[in-house]
PDB file of N, CA and C in Angstrom:
ATOM      1  N   MET A   1      17.627 -27.730 -25.330  1.00  0.00           N
ATOM      2  CA  MET A   1      18.948 -27.374 -25.215  1.00  0.00           C
ATOM      3  C   MET A   1      19.317 -28.339 -26.576  1.00  0.00           C
ATOM      4  N   LYS A   2      20.313 -27.201 -27.387  1.00  0.00           N
ATOM      5  CA  LYS A   2      21.060 -27.697 -28.580  1.00  0.00           C
ATOM      6  C   LYS A   2      22.159 -28.663 -28.537  1.00  0.00           C
ATOM      7  N   ASN A   3      23.213 -28.852 -26.885  1.00  0.00           N
ATOM      8  CA  ASN A   3      24.199 -29.575 -27.353  1.00  0.00           C
ATOM      9  C   ASN A   3      24.164 -30.339 -26.480  1.00  0.00           C
ATOM     10  N   ASP A   4      22.770 -30.927 -26.227  1.00  0.00           N
ATOM     11  CA  ASP A   4      21.963 -32.704 -25.662  1.00  0.00           C
ATOM     12  C   ASP A   4      22.646 -33.515 -26.151  1.00  0.00           C
ATOM     13  N   LEU A   5      23.426 -34.356 -25.154  1.00  0.00           N
ATOM     14  CA  LEU A   5      23.393 -35.478 -25.593  1.00  0.00           C
ATOM     15  C   LEU A   5      22.607 -37.136 -24.993  1.00  0.00           C
ATOM     16  N   LYS A   6      21.529 -37.127 -25.834  1.00  0.00           N
ATOM     17  CA  LYS A   6      20.588 -37.399 -25.524  1.00  0.00           C
ATOM     18  C   LYS A   6      20.240 -39.150 -25.037  1.00  0.00           C
ATOM     19  N   GLY A   7      21.893 -39.824 -25.833  1.00  0.00           N
ATOM     20  CA  GLY A   7      22.095 -40.868 -25.666  1.00  0.00           C
ATOM     21  C   GLY A   7      23.244 -41.522 -26.779  1.00  0.00           C
ATOM     22  N   VAL A   8      23.570 -43.232 -26.790  1.00  0.00           N
ATOM     23  CA  VAL A   8      24.305 -43.387 -27.628  1.00  0.00           C
ATOM     24  C   VAL A   8      23.825 -44.799 -28.239  1.00  0.00           C
ATOM     25  N   MET A   9      24.277 -45.070 -29.545  1.00  0.00           N
ATOM     26  CA  MET A   9      24.340 -46.292 -29.294  1.00  0.00           C
ATOM     27  C   MET A   9      25.625 -47.557 -28.973  1.00  0.00           C
ATOM     28  N   LEU A  10      25.226 -48.223 -28.253  1.00  0.00           N
ATOM     29  CA  LEU A  10      26.266 -48.854 -27.670  1.00  0.00           C
ATOM     30  C   LEU A  10      25.838 -50.546 -28.009  1.00  0.00           C
ATOM     31  N   ASN A  11      26.520 -50.992 -28.747  1.00  0.00           N
ATOM     32  CA  ASN A  11      26.556 -52.708 -29.993  1.00  0.00           C
ATOM     33  C   ASN A  11      24.967 -52.849 -30.056  1.00  0.00           C
ATOM     34  N   GLY A  12      24.676 -51.699 -30.534  1.00  0.00           N
ATOM     35  CA  GLY A  12      23.533 -51.940 -31.530  1.00  0.00           C
ATOM     36  C   GLY A  12      21.903 -51.481 -30.842  1.00  0.00           C
ATOM     37  N   LEU A  13      22.357 -51.334 -30.056  1.00  0.00           N
ATOM     38  CA  LEU A  13      21.468 -50.325 -28.619  1.00  0.00           C
ATOM     39  C   LEU A  13      21.555 -49.387 -28.394  1.00  0.00           C
ATOM     40  N   TRP A  14      19.806 -49.109 -28.188  1.00  0.00           N
ATOM     41  CA  TRP A  14      20.071 -47.259 -27.166  1.00  0.00           C
ATOM     42  C   TRP A  14      19.815 -47.587 -26.554  1.00  0.00           C
ATOM     43  N   CYS A  15      21.287 -46.428 -25.584  1.00  0.00           N
ATOM     44  CA  CYS A  15      21.511 -46.665 -24.526  1.00  0.00           C
ATOM     45  C   CYS A  15      21.349 -44.773 -23.690  1.00  0.00           C
ATOM     46  N   ASN A  16      20.671 -44.433 -23.047  1.00  0.00           N
ATOM     47  CA  ASN A  16      20.448 -43.006 -22.634  1.00  0.00           C
ATOM     48  C   ASN A  16      20.795 -43.459 -20.814  1.00  0.00           C
ATOM     49  N   ASP A  17      21.124 -44.343 -20.568  1.00  0.00           N
ATOM     50  CA  ASP A  17      22.005 -43.875 -19.261  1.00  0.00           C
ATOM     51  C   ASP A  17      22.785 -43.022 -18.916  1.00  0.00           C
ATOM     52  N   PRO A  18      22.447 -41.637 -18.187  1.00  0.00           N
ATOM     53  CA  PRO A  18      23.575 -40.641 -18.169  1.00  0.00           C
ATOM     54  C   PRO A  18      25.046 -41.345 -18.279  1.00  0.00           C
ATOM     55  N   ILE A  19      25.332 -42.536 -16.576  1.00  0.00           N
ATOM     56  CA  ILE A  19      26.642 -42.528 -16.487  1.00  0.00           C
ATOM     57  C   ILE A  19      27.434 -43.644 -17.570  1.00  0.00           C
ATOM     58  N   GLN A  20      26.381 -44.343 -18.568  1.00  0.00           N
ATOM     59  CA  GLN A  20      27.020 -45.370 -19.329  1.00  0.00           C
ATOM     60  C   GLN A  20      27.076 -44.572 -21.138  1.00  0.00           C
ATOM     61  N   VAL A  21      26.421 -43.193 -20.908  1.00  0.00           N
ATOM     62  CA  VAL A  21      26.344 -42.398 -22.059  1.00  0.00           C
ATOM     63  C   VAL A  21      28.062 -40.893 -21.721  1.00  0.00           C
ATOM     64  N   ARG A  22      28.263 -40.827 -20.680  1.00  0.00           N
ATOM     65  CA  ARG A  22      28.966 -40.562 -19.775  1.00  0.00           C
ATOM     66  C   ARG A  22      30.336 -41.335 -20.367  1.00  0.00           C
ATOM     67  N   GLU A  23      30.210 -42.282 -19.971  1.00  0.00           N
ATOM     68  CA  GLU A  23      32.098 -43.272 -20.084  1.00  0.00           C
ATOM     69  C   GLU A  23      31.877 -43.677 -21.871  1.00  0.00           C
ATOM     70  N   GLU A  24      30.835 -43.868 -22.042  1.00  0.00           N
ATOM     71  CA  GLU A  24      31.298 -44.738 -23.540  1.00  0.00           C
ATOM     72  C   GLU A  24      31.618 -43.105 -24.375  1.00  0.00           C
ATOM     73  N   VAL A  25      31.383 -41.859 -24.162  1.00  0.00           N
ATOM     74  CA  VAL A  25      32.202 -40.387 -24.382  1.00  0.00           C
ATOM     75  C   VAL A  25      33.811 -40.200 -24.306  1.00  0.00           C
ATOM     76  N   ARG A  26      33.751 -40.484 -22.905  1.00  0.00           N
ATOM     77  CA  ARG A  26      35.328 -40.521 -22.337  1.00  0.00           C
ATOM     78  C   ARG A  26      36.153 -41.343 -23.417  1.00  0.00           C
ATOM     79  N   GLN A  27      35.467 -42.852 -23.521  1.00  0.00           N
ATOM     80  CA  GLN A  27      36.178 -43.690 -24.158  1.00  0.00           C
ATOM     81  C   GLN A  27      36.495 -43.406 -25.288  1.00  0.00           C
ATOM     82  N   VAL A  28      35.664 -42.563 -26.196  1.00  0.00           N
ATOM     83  CA  VAL A  28      35.840 -42.259 -27.775  1.00  0.00           C
ATOM     84  C   VAL A  28      36.875 -41.180 -27.828  1.00  0.00           C
ATOM     85  N   PHE A  29      36.538 -40.230 -27.071  1.00  0.00           N
ATOM     86  CA  PHE A  29      37.548 -39.270 -26.917  1.00  0.00           C
ATOM     87  C   PHE A  29      39.101 -39.610 -26.588  1.00  0.00           C
ATOM     88  N   GLU A  30      38.654 -40.222 -25.135  1.00  0.00           N
ATOM     89  CA  GLU A  30      40.369 -41.079 -25.023  1.00  0.00           C
ATOM     90  C   GLU A  30      41.279 -41.612 -26.437  1.00  0.00           C
ATOM     91  N   LYS A  31      40.307 -42.381 -27.066  1.00  0.00           N
ATOM     92  CA  LYS A  31      40.498 -43.380 -28.277  1.00  0.00           C
ATOM     93  C   LYS A  31      41.595 -42.324 -28.994  1.00  0.00           C
ATOM     94  N   ARG A  32      40.567 -41.534 -29.372  1.00  0.00           N
ATOM     95  CA  ARG A  32      40.944 -40.454 -30.491  1.00  0.00           C
ATOM     96  C   ARG A  32      42.408 -39.159 -30.117  1.00  0.00           C
ATOM     97  N   PHE A  33      42.448 -39.283 -28.945  1.00  0.00           N
ATOM     98  CA  PHE A  33      43.271 -38.297 -28.707  1.00  0.00           C
ATOM     99  C   PHE A  33      44.215 -38.609 -27.777  1.00  0.00           C
ATOM    100  N   ILE A  34      44.563 -39.516 -27.535  1.00  0.00           N
ATOM    101  CA  ILE A  34      45.748 -40.245 -27.322  1.00  0.00           C
ATOM    102  C   ILE A  34      47.035 -40.564 -28.299  1.00  0.00           C
ATOM    103  N   ALA A  35      48.010 -40.352 -27.231  1.00  0.00           N
ATOM    104  CA  ALA A  35      49.548 -40.463 -27.744  1.00  0.00           C
ATOM    105  C   ALA A  35      49.951 -41.913 -28.561  1.00  0.00           C
ATOM    106  N   PRO A  36      50.431 -42.271 -29.835  1.00  0.00           N
ATOM    107  CA  PRO A  36      50.572 -43.368 -30.373  1.00  0.00           C
ATOM    108  C   PRO A  36      51.536 -43.728 -28.993  1.00  0.00           C
ATOM    109  N   LYS A  37      52.144 -45.180 -29.183  1.00  0.00           N
ATOM    110  CA  LYS A  37      52.976 -45.695 -27.721  1.00  0.00           C
ATOM    111  C   LYS A  37      54.651 -44.973 -28.621  1.00  0.00           C
ATOM    112  N   LYS A  38      55.037 -45.408 -29.373  1.00  0.00           N
ATOM    113  CA  LYS A  38      55.899 -45.079 -30.483  1.00  0.00           C
ATOM    114  C   LYS A  38      55.646 -44.053 -31.737  1.00  0.00           C
ATOM    115  N   LEU A  39      56.860 -42.832 -31.455  1.00  0.00           N
ATOM    116  CA  LEU A  39      56.701 -41.540 -32.583  1.00  0.00           C
ATOM    117  C   LEU A  39      57.714 -42.107 -33.491  1.00  0.00           C
ATOM    118  N   ASN A  40      57.323 -42.500 -35.057  1.00  0.00           N
ATOM    119  CA  ASN A  40      58.008 -42.684 -35.810  1.00  0.00           C
ATOM    120  C   ASN A  40      58.801 -41.477 -36.464  1.00  0.00           C
ATOM    121  N   LEU A  41      60.103 -40.447 -35.597  1.00  0.00           N
ATOM    122  CA  LEU A  41      60.396 -39.533 -35.953  1.00  0.00           C
ATOM    123  C   LEU A  41      62.076 -39.705 -36.301  1.00  0.00           C
ATOM    124  N   ASN A  42      62.422 -39.045 -37.271  1.00  0.00           N
ATOM    125  CA  ASN A  42      63.625 -38.945 -38.237  1.00  0.00           C
ATOM    126  C   ASN A  42      64.092 -37.706 -38.163  1.00  0.00           C
ATOM    127  N   LEU A  43      64.889 -37.085 -37.731  1.00  0.00           N
ATOM    128  CA  LEU A  43      65.567 -36.474 -37.084  1.00  0.00           C
ATOM    129  C   LEU A  43      66.906 -35.943 -38.017  1.00  0.00           C
ATOM    130  N   GLN A  44      67.384 -36.865 -38.630  1.00  0.00           N
ATOM    131  CA  GLN A  44      68.390 -36.323 -39.121  1.00  0.00           C
ATOM    132  C   GLN A  44      68.746 -35.907 -40.289  1.00  0.00           C
ATOM    133  N   GLY A  45      69.564 -35.442 -40.212  1.00  0.00           N
ATOM    134  CA  GLY A  45      69.331 -34.125 -41.277  1.00  0.00           C
ATOM    135  C   GLY A  45      69.199 -32.975 -41.770  1.00  0.00           C
ATOM    136  N   ILE A  46      68.344 -32.537 -40.235  1.00  0.00           N
ATOM    137  CA  ILE A  46      68.023 -31.424 -39.771  1.00  0.00           C
ATOM    138  C   ILE A  46      68.727 -30.967 -39.211  1.00  0.00           C
ATOM    139  N   ASP A  47      69.325 -29.538 -39.950  1.00  0.00           N
ATOM    140  CA  ASP A  47      69.939 -28.550 -38.782  1.00  0.00           C
ATOM    141  C   ASP A  47      69.348 -27.381 -38.311  1.00  0.00           C
ATOM    142  N   PHE A  48      69.498 -27.685 -36.831  1.00  0.00           N
ATOM    143  CA  PHE A  48      68.834 -26.885 -35.636  1.00  0.00           C
ATOM    144  C   PHE A  48      69.722 -25.653 -35.665  1.00  0.00           C
ATOM    145  N   PRO A  49      69.128 -24.273 -35.858  1.00  0.00           N
ATOM    146  CA  PRO A  49      69.524 -23.074 -35.348  1.00  0.00           C
ATOM    147  C   PRO A  49      70.370 -23.378 -33.966  1.00  0.00           C
ATOM    148  N   THR A  50      71.797 -22.747 -34.239  1.00  0.00           N
ATOM    149  CA  THR A  50      71.767 -23.342 -33.040  1.00  0.00           C
ATOM    150  C   THR A  50      73.014 -21.735 -31.902  1.00  0.00           C
ATOM    151  N   LEU A  51      72.166 -21.209 -30.793  1.00  0.00           N
ATOM    152  CA  LEU A  51      73.085 -19.759 -30.659  1.00  0.00           C
ATOM    153  C   LEU A  51      74.769 -20.659 -30.210  1.00  0.00           C
ATOM    154  N   SER A  52      75.834 -19.119 -30.322  1.00  0.00           N
ATOM    155  CA  SER A  52      76.957 -19.342 -29.943  1.00  0.00           C
ATOM    156  C   SER A  52      77.022 -18.862 -28.651  1.00  0.00           C
ATOM    157  N   GLU A  53      78.699 -19.200 -27.709  1.00  0.00           N
ATOM    158  CA  GLU A  53      78.331 -19.231 -26.153  1.00  0.00           C
ATOM    159  C   GLU A  53      78.190 -17.524 -26.512  1.00  0.00           C
ATOM    160  N   ASP A  54      78.945 -16.790 -27.175  1.00  0.00           N
ATOM    161  CA  ASP A  54      78.219 -15.470 -26.787  1.00  0.00           C
ATOM    162  C   ASP A  54      76.802 -15.082 -26.478  1.00  0.00           C
ATOM    163  N   GLU A  55      76.584 -15.243 -27.510  1.00  0.00           N
ATOM    164  CA  GLU A  55      74.589 -15.306 -27.599  1.00  0.00           C
ATOM    165  C   GLU A  55      73.767 -16.368 -26.040  1.00  0.00           C
ATOM    166  N   ASN A  56      74.548 -17.603 -26.116  1.00  0.00           N
ATOM    167  CA  ASN A  56      73.571 -18.345 -24.735  1.00  0.00           C
ATOM    168  C   ASN A  56      74.643 -17.278 -23.618  1.00  0.00           C
ATOM    169  N   MET A  57      76.007 -16.900 -23.466  1.00  0.00           N
ATOM    170  CA  MET A  57      76.035 -15.500 -22.538  1.00  0.00           C
ATOM    171  C   MET A  57      74.852 -14.582 -22.003  1.00  0.00           C
ATOM    172  N   LEU A  58      74.614 -14.014 -22.913  1.00  0.00           N
ATOM    173  CA  LEU A  58      73.749 -12.959 -23.030  1.00  0.00           C
ATOM    174  C   LEU A  58      72.462 -13.576 -22.468  1.00  0.00           C
ATOM    175  N   LEU A  59      71.502 -14.944 -22.731  1.00  0.00           N
ATOM    176  CA  LEU A  59      70.830 -15.015 -21.767  1.00  0.00           C
ATOM    177  C   LEU A  59      70.903 -15.328 -20.364  1.00  0.00           C
ATOM    178  N   ILE A  60      71.734 -15.631 -19.777  1.00  0.00           N
ATOM    179  CA  ILE A  60      72.420 -15.667 -18.728  1.00  0.00           C
ATOM    180  C   ILE A  60      72.902 -15.095 -17.846  1.00  0.00           C
ATOM    181  N   LYS A  61      72.878 -13.906 -18.785  1.00  0.00           N
ATOM    182  CA  LYS A  61      73.476 -12.624 -17.114  1.00  0.00           C
ATOM    183  C   LYS A  61      72.599 -11.960 -16.869  1.00  0.00           C
ATOM    184  N   GLU A  62      73.212 -11.613 -15.601  1.00  0.00           N
ATOM    185  CA  GLU A  62      72.115 -11.089 -14.911  1.00  0.00           C
ATOM    186  C   GLU A  62      71.609  -9.807 -15.292  1.00  0.00           C
ATOM    187  N   ILE A  63      70.393  -9.548 -15.397  1.00  0.00           N
ATOM    188  CA  ILE A  63      69.518  -8.174 -15.562  1.00  0.00           C
ATOM    189  C   ILE A  63      69.785  -7.354 -14.357  1.00  0.00           C
ATOM    190  N   LYS A  64      70.600  -6.167 -14.630  1.00  0.00           N
ATOM    191  CA  LYS A  64      70.408  -5.171 -13.789  1.00  0.00           C
ATOM    192  C   LYS A  64      68.940  -4.288 -13.636  1.00  0.00           C
ATOM    193  N   ASP A  65      68.940  -3.641 -12.423  1.00  0.00           N
ATOM    194  CA  ASP A  65      67.820  -2.780 -12.093  1.00  0.00           C
ATOM    195  C   ASP A  65      67.967  -1.678 -12.787  1.00  0.00           C
ATOM    196  N   LEU A  66      69.043  -1.383 -13.199  1.00  0.00           N
ATOM    197  CA  LEU A  66      68.867   0.059 -14.180  1.00  0.00           C
ATOM    198  C   LEU A  66      68.930  -0.312 -15.700  1.00  0.00           C
ATOM    199  N   GLU A  67      68.462  -1.093 -16.001  1.00  0.00           N
ATOM    200  CA  GLU A  67      68.754  -1.671 -17.397  1.00  0.00           C
ATOM    201  C   GLU A  67      66.937  -2.124 -17.313  1.00  0.00           C
ATOM    202  N   ILE A  68      66.860  -2.248 -16.763  1.00  0.00           N
ATOM    203  CA  ILE A  68      65.128  -2.273 -16.828  1.00  0.00           C
ATOM    204  C   ILE A  68      64.323  -0.632 -16.689  1.00  0.00           C
ATOM    205  N   GLU A  69      65.591  -0.587 -16.057  1.00  0.00           N
ATOM    206  CA  GLU A  69      64.301   1.079 -15.634  1.00  0.00           C
ATOM    207  C   GLU A  69      64.432   1.912 -17.227  1.00  0.00           C
ATOM    208  N   ASP A  70      65.899   1.583 -17.736  1.00  0.00           N
ATOM    209  CA  ASP A  70      66.187   2.476 -19.319  1.00  0.00           C
ATOM    210  C   ASP A  70      65.376   1.751 -20.086  1.00  0.00           C
ATOM    211  N   VAL A  71      64.816   0.905 -19.827  1.00  0.00           N
ATOM    212  CA  VAL A  71      64.188  -0.045 -21.012  1.00  0.00           C
ATOM    213  C   VAL A  71      62.132   0.140 -21.100  1.00  0.00           C
ATOM    214  N   ILE A  72      61.825   0.920 -19.529  1.00  0.00           N
ATOM    215  CA  ILE A  72      60.605   1.004 -19.166  1.00  0.00           C
ATOM    216  C   ILE A  72      60.589   2.768 -20.112  1.00  0.00           C
ATOM    217  N   ASN A  73      61.968   3.451 -19.363  1.00  0.00           N
ATOM    218  CA  ASN A  73      61.673   4.669 -19.683  1.00  0.00           C
ATOM    219  C   ASN A  73      62.153   5.003 -21.230  1.00  0.00           C
ATOM    220  N   GLN A  74      62.576   4.066 -21.944  1.00  0.00           N
ATOM    221  CA  GLN A  74      62.234   3.914 -22.980  1.00  0.00           C
ATOM    222  C   GLN A  74      60.551   3.959 -24.064  1.00  0.00           C
ATOM    223  N   CYS A  75      60.235   3.486 -23.791  1.00  0.00           N
ATOM    224  CA  CYS A  75      58.413   3.165 -24.254  1.00  0.00           C
ATOM    225  C   CYS A  75      57.360   4.187 -23.744  1.00  0.00           C
ATOM    226  N   GLU A  76      56.572   4.344 -24.718  1.00  0.00           N
ATOM    227  CA  GLU A  76      55.367   5.156 -24.819  1.00  0.00           C
ATOM    228  C   GLU A  76      54.981   5.309 -23.538  1.00  0.00           C
ATOM    229  N   GLY A  77      54.427   6.323 -22.647  1.00  0.00           N
ATOM    230  CA  GLY A  77      53.556   6.097 -22.021  1.00  0.00           C
ATOM    231  C   GLY A  77      52.039   5.472 -22.139  1.00  0.00           C
ATOM    232  N   ASN A  78      51.427   6.080 -23.713  1.00  0.00           N
ATOM    233  CA  ASN A  78      49.950   5.437 -23.362  1.00  0.00           C
ATOM    234  C   ASN A  78      49.839   3.495 -23.902  1.00  0.00           C
ATOM    235  N   LYS A  79      51.067   3.139 -24.043  1.00  0.00           N
ATOM    236  CA  LYS A  79      51.233   2.070 -24.471  1.00  0.00           C
ATOM    237  C   LYS A  79      50.890   1.170 -22.821  1.00  0.00           C
ATOM    238  N   SER A  80      50.257  -0.188 -23.419  1.00  0.00           N
ATOM    239  CA  SER A  80      49.826  -0.709 -21.758  1.00  0.00           C
ATOM    240  C   SER A  80      50.403  -2.180 -22.377  1.00  0.00           C
ATOM    241  N   PRO A  81      51.627  -2.752 -21.481  1.00  0.00           N
ATOM    242  CA  PRO A  81      51.998  -4.220 -21.754  1.00  0.00           C
ATOM    243  C   PRO A  81      50.915  -4.926 -21.434  1.00  0.00           C
ATOM    244  N   ASN A  82      49.926  -5.139 -20.837  1.00  0.00           N
ATOM    245  CA  ASN A  82      49.422  -6.039 -20.479  1.00  0.00           C
ATOM    246  C   ASN A  82      47.809  -6.119 -20.569  1.00  0.00           C
ATOM    247  N   PRO A  83      47.058  -6.326 -20.604  1.00  0.00           N
ATOM    248  CA  PRO A  83      45.221  -6.102 -20.567  1.00  0.00           C
ATOM    249  C   PRO A  83      44.696  -5.972 -19.295  1.00  0.00           C
ATOM    250  N   ASP A  84      45.806  -4.888 -17.652  1.00  0.00           N
ATOM    251  CA  ASP A  84      45.161  -4.623 -16.404  1.00  0.00           C
ATOM    252  C   ASP A  84      44.826  -3.673 -16.430  1.00  0.00           C
ATOM    253  N   GLY A  85      45.499  -2.499 -17.573  1.00  0.00           N
ATOM    254  CA  GLY A  85      45.257  -1.443 -17.859  1.00  0.00           C
ATOM    255  C   GLY A  85      45.988  -0.400 -17.320  1.00  0.00           C
ATOM    256  N   PHE A  86      47.159  -0.845 -16.603  1.00  0.00           N
ATOM    257  CA  PHE A  86      48.251  -0.165 -16.119  1.00  0.00           C
ATOM    258  C   PHE A  86      49.039   0.361 -17.467  1.00  0.00           C
ATOM    259  N   ASN A  87      49.745   1.313 -18.104  1.00  0.00           N
ATOM    260  CA  ASN A  87      50.492   1.759 -19.001  1.00  0.00           C
ATOM    261  C   ASN A  87      51.782   2.433 -18.282  1.00  0.00           C
ATOM    262  N   PHE A  88      52.784   2.479 -19.275  1.00  0.00           N
ATOM    263  CA  PHE A  88      53.675   2.973 -18.804  1.00  0.00           C
ATOM    264  C   PHE A  88      53.911   4.198 -18.224  1.00  0.00           C
ATOM    265  N   PHE A  89      52.998   4.844 -18.858  1.00  0.00           N
ATOM    266  CA  PHE A  89      52.652   6.561 -18.259  1.00  0.00           C
ATOM    267  C   PHE A  89      52.619   6.206 -16.837  1.00  0.00           C
ATOM    268  N   PHE A  90      52.144   5.236 -16.218  1.00  0.00           N
ATOM    269  CA  PHE A  90      51.438   5.140 -14.486  1.00  0.00           C
ATOM    270  C   PHE A  90      52.877   4.700 -14.208  1.00  0.00           C
ATOM    271  N   ILE A  91      53.227   3.222 -14.909  1.00  0.00           N
ATOM    272  CA  ILE A  91      54.903   2.962 -14.367  1.00  0.00           C
ATOM    273  C   ILE A  91      55.946   3.424 -14.203  1.00  0.00           C
ATOM    274  N   LYS A  92      55.924   4.935 -14.896  1.00  0.00           N
ATOM    275  CA  LYS A  92      56.850   5.609 -14.853  1.00  0.00           C
ATOM    276  C   LYS A  92      57.084   6.469 -13.948  1.00  0.00           C
ATOM    277  N   GLN A  93      55.375   6.725 -13.671  1.00  0.00           N
ATOM    278  CA  GLN A  93      55.392   7.985 -12.628  1.00  0.00           C
ATOM    279  C   GLN A  93      55.058   7.078 -11.439  1.00  0.00           C
ATOM    280  N   ASN A  94      55.062   6.048 -11.383  1.00  0.00           N
ATOM    281  CA  ASN A  94      55.159   5.609 -10.001  1.00  0.00           C
ATOM    282  C   ASN A  94      56.477   4.007  -9.638  1.00  0.00           C
ATOM    283  N   TRP A  95      57.426   4.381 -10.641  1.00  0.00           N
ATOM    284  CA  TRP A  95      58.349   3.989 -10.945  1.00  0.00           C
ATOM    285  C   TRP A  95      59.193   3.696  -9.326  1.00  0.00           C
ATOM    286  N   ASP A  96      58.871   4.633  -8.551  1.00  0.00           N
ATOM    287  CA  ASP A  96      59.911   4.108  -7.038  1.00  0.00           C
ATOM    288  C   ASP A  96      59.268   3.321  -6.474  1.00  0.00           C
ATOM    289  N   ILE A  97      58.158   3.321  -6.551  1.00  0.00           N
ATOM    290  CA  ILE A  97      57.388   1.941  -5.588  1.00  0.00           C
ATOM    291  C   ILE A  97      57.292   0.960  -6.444  1.00  0.00           C
ATOM    292  N   LEU A  98      56.876   0.948  -7.795  1.00  0.00           N
ATOM    293  CA  LEU A  98      56.881  -0.496  -8.548  1.00  0.00           C
ATOM    294  C   LEU A  98      58.337  -0.906  -8.579  1.00  0.00           C
ATOM    295  N   LYS A  99      59.326  -0.176  -8.865  1.00  0.00           N
ATOM    296  CA  LYS A  99      60.699  -1.000  -9.048  1.00  0.00           C
ATOM    297  C   LYS A  99      61.108  -2.180  -7.831  1.00  0.00           C
ATOM    298  N   TYR A 100      60.509  -1.925  -6.938  1.00  0.00           N
ATOM    299  CA  TYR A 100      60.925  -3.117  -5.917  1.00  0.00           C
ATOM    300  C   TYR A 100      60.049  -4.303  -5.846  1.00  0.00           C
ATOM    301  N   ASP A 101      59.150  -4.325  -6.420  1.00  0.00           N
ATOM    302  CA  ASP A 101      58.406  -5.456  -6.554  1.00  0.00           C
ATOM    303  C   ASP A 101      58.879  -5.838  -8.244  1.00  0.00           C
ATOM    304  N   VAL A 102      58.647  -4.733  -9.380  1.00  0.00           N
ATOM    305  CA  VAL A 102      59.350  -5.466 -10.790  1.00  0.00           C
ATOM    306  C   VAL A 102      60.766  -6.452 -10.878  1.00  0.00           C
ATOM    307  N   CYS A 103      62.001  -5.667  -9.906  1.00  0.00           N
ATOM    308  CA  CYS A 103      63.492  -6.225  -9.765  1.00  0.00           C
ATOM    309  C   CYS A 103      63.436  -6.939  -9.042  1.00  0.00           C
TER     310      CYS A 103
END
């Protein structure tokens, strides 16, 4: 096998015991990818964009079933929103059945 790990050097000695090799590899990756205990981030002076009260209200307002149906009807029929293969033509043709699950 090309990606086979036959063993590792532990304290200057070759080790090919699978349990010890596995533990050594785990420890190496744990040390490499562990987040530092304290991050020295300074976010002062950074101007973060914020939403206005009106924009925030638009995000939390209830979406009406008719709005969803209008958006679906505006979409081209041969476009598929997901890799499941159901395009908008299918959704439009079967909207009477699908709308209860979608809405």
